[in-house]
Protein backbone atom coordinates (compact mmCIF):
# COMPACT_ATOMS: atom_id res chain seq x y z
CA MET A 1 51.65 12.95 22.29
CA LYS A 2 50.45 13.35 18.62
CA ARG A 3 53.41 10.60 17.28
CA ILE A 4 52.27 8.23 19.73
CA LEU A 5 48.57 8.57 18.27
CA LEU A 6 49.83 8.38 14.95
CA ALA A 7 51.89 5.61 15.16
CA PHE A 8 49.02 3.82 17.16
CA VAL A 9 46.51 4.53 14.20
CA SER A 10 49.24 3.61 11.52
CA LEU A 11 49.70 -0.04 13.62
CA GLY A 12 45.78 -0.30 13.46
CA LEU A 13 45.28 0.71 10.20
CA ALA A 14 48.17 -1.91 8.85
CA ALA A 15 46.65 -4.53 11.32
CA LEU A 16 43.26 -4.02 9.57
CA LEU A 17 44.40 -3.91 6.17
CA ILE A 18 46.37 -7.44 6.07
CA LEU A 19 44.18 -8.92 8.59
CA GLY A 20 40.85 -7.83 7.83
CA GLY A 21 41.08 -6.65 4.16
CA VAL A 22 39.55 -3.50 5.06
CA THR A 23 40.48 -0.52 2.30
CA ALA A 24 42.22 2.57 4.28
CA ALA A 25 39.45 4.79 3.52
CA LYS A 26 36.90 3.02 5.30
CA ALA A 27 39.06 2.40 8.26
CA SER A 28 39.97 6.09 8.55
CA PRO A 29 38.15 7.62 11.80
CA SER A 30 35.45 10.19 11.42
CA TYR A 31 36.04 14.37 11.42
CA ASP A 32 33.82 14.24 15.20
CA GLN A 33 36.19 11.04 16.32
CA GLU A 34 39.30 12.70 15.59
CA VAL A 35 38.67 15.86 16.93
CA THR A 36 37.16 14.23 20.07
CA GLU A 37 39.57 11.51 20.72
CA THR A 38 42.65 13.68 20.13
CA ALA A 39 41.12 16.37 22.33
CA LYS A 40 41.11 13.98 25.17
CA LEU A 41 44.80 13.54 24.82
CA TYR A 42 44.86 16.98 26.55
CA LYS A 43 43.13 15.50 29.68
CA GLY A 44 45.03 17.39 32.54
CA THR A 45 46.95 19.85 30.35
CA PRO A 46 47.17 23.05 32.71
CA PHE A 47 45.15 25.92 32.62
CA LYS A 48 47.03 29.06 31.07
CA TRP A 49 45.37 32.39 30.54
CA GLY A 50 45.66 33.46 27.13
CA GLY A 51 47.02 29.88 26.30
CA THR A 52 47.14 28.11 22.72
CA THR A 53 49.55 25.49 22.96
CA PRO A 54 49.70 21.99 25.00
CA LYS A 55 52.31 24.08 27.27
CA GLY A 56 48.92 25.48 28.64
CA PHE A 57 45.14 26.04 27.42
CA ASP A 58 42.59 28.28 28.04
CA ALA A 59 39.26 27.28 26.67
CA SER A 60 39.28 29.14 23.24
CA GLY A 61 42.51 28.13 22.68
CA PHE A 62 42.33 24.58 23.20
CA THR A 63 39.09 24.68 20.80
CA LYS A 64 41.36 26.46 18.52
CA TYR A 65 44.22 24.36 18.74
CA ILE A 66 42.29 20.87 18.58
CA PHE A 67 40.64 21.71 15.34
CA LYS A 68 43.44 23.43 13.41
CA THR A 69 45.91 20.15 14.48
CA THR A 70 44.00 17.21 13.60
CA VAL A 71 42.54 16.03 10.36
CA VAL A 72 39.98 18.80 10.20
CA ASN A 73 42.64 21.78 9.64
CA LYS A 74 40.40 24.41 10.54
CA ASP A 75 41.32 27.96 11.52
CA ILE A 76 38.87 29.02 14.06
CA PRO A 77 38.13 32.19 15.54
CA ARG A 78 40.28 33.23 18.51
CA THR A 79 37.94 34.17 21.38
CA SER A 80 34.49 32.08 22.47
CA ALA A 81 32.36 34.81 21.35
CA THR A 82 33.81 35.16 17.91
CA GLN A 83 33.94 31.10 17.74
CA TYR A 84 30.37 31.30 18.49
CA LYS A 85 29.33 33.92 16.03
CA GLY A 86 30.79 30.97 13.50
CA GLY A 87 29.80 28.04 12.22
CA ALA A 88 26.26 26.54 12.05
CA ALA A 89 23.70 26.71 14.89
CA VAL A 90 22.62 23.60 16.83
CA VAL A 91 19.51 22.80 18.29
CA LYS A 92 19.15 22.17 22.08
CA GLY A 93 19.71 18.27 22.51
CA LYS A 94 20.85 17.63 19.34
CA GLU A 95 24.73 18.60 19.33
CA LYS A 96 27.11 15.96 17.97
CA MET A 97 30.64 14.47 18.57
CA GLY A 98 32.36 17.97 17.16
CA ASP A 99 30.22 20.34 18.31
CA LEU A 100 31.58 23.61 20.08
CA VAL A 101 29.50 24.53 23.14
CA PHE A 102 29.37 27.54 24.63
CA PHE A 103 28.03 29.34 28.09
CA LYS A 104 27.68 32.40 29.78
CA THR A 105 29.84 31.46 32.75
CA ASN A 106 29.95 35.56 33.46
CA GLY A 107 26.10 35.41 33.39
CA LYS A 108 26.21 38.24 30.48
CA SER A 109 27.81 37.36 27.46
CA ILE A 110 29.64 34.18 25.76
CA SER A 111 32.98 33.42 27.90
CA PHE A 112 33.38 29.95 28.02
CA VAL A 113 33.50 26.94 25.22
CA GLY A 114 34.18 23.61 25.02
CA ILE A 115 34.04 20.40 22.74
CA TYR A 116 31.02 18.37 22.62
CA LEU A 117 32.16 14.34 23.76
CA GLY A 118 28.36 12.94 23.00
CA ASN A 119 26.07 11.44 26.65
CA LYS A 120 25.62 15.30 27.23
CA GLU A 121 29.49 15.65 28.26
CA PHE A 122 32.39 18.20 26.83
CA ILE A 123 35.74 18.83 27.22
CA ALA A 124 36.92 22.08 27.87
CA ALA A 125 40.18 23.70 29.12
CA THR A 126 38.91 24.84 32.74
CA SER A 127 40.46 27.03 35.56
CA LYS A 128 41.41 23.19 37.00
CA GLY A 129 43.12 22.49 33.60
CA VAL A 130 41.82 20.48 30.46
CA ARG A 131 38.81 18.17 31.72
CA ILE A 132 35.85 16.37 30.86
CA GLN A 133 32.56 17.71 32.23
CA SER A 134 28.89 16.90 32.39
CA LEU A 135 26.23 19.47 30.76
CA ASN A 136 24.07 17.81 33.60
CA THR A 137 25.81 19.64 36.46
CA LYS A 138 23.30 22.72 37.38
CA TYR A 139 26.73 25.20 36.66
CA TRP A 140 26.58 24.09 33.10
CA LYS A 141 23.04 23.90 32.83
CA ASP A 142 22.45 26.94 34.00
CA SER A 143 25.28 28.76 32.03
CA TYR A 144 24.48 27.12 28.57
CA ALA A 145 24.36 29.35 25.72
CA GLY A 146 23.94 26.97 22.62
CA ALA A 147 26.59 25.09 20.08
CA ARG A 148 27.70 25.45 17.08
CA ARG A 149 29.06 23.45 14.35
CA TYR A 150 32.14 23.76 12.32
CA LEU A 151 32.69 20.25 11.16
CA PRO A 152 32.24 19.10 7.91
């Protein structure tokens, strides 16, 4: 999957360089685009308790994998609770693409994490697999705990 993405990105950059005279640096995706677009490639990947690979992810295993395997190459903590302790705090309503959004799905403590996509949507490894979710649904509104920024 990553090879296919890399091939498409390479072809796109080559076309831009030949046809548009754009330098490679200007055509490079931003960190937030890299994280969110790569995360979307894993839509439908099954849920696996403790999963940290494309064979199956849990919520924090998914975010950890995406941040480590993209251009960000950042090794973030393993659990949603420890991921919430890191990064820079983001004011509610000021989330940006690539921020991590956290939830108290057990009602008590941080127990779930996803990657903010913009437009009040995030992607996460749910019990039904990696899916795009809306922050506007009652469930996610009621359990929302905050966001953290790990991107440079």
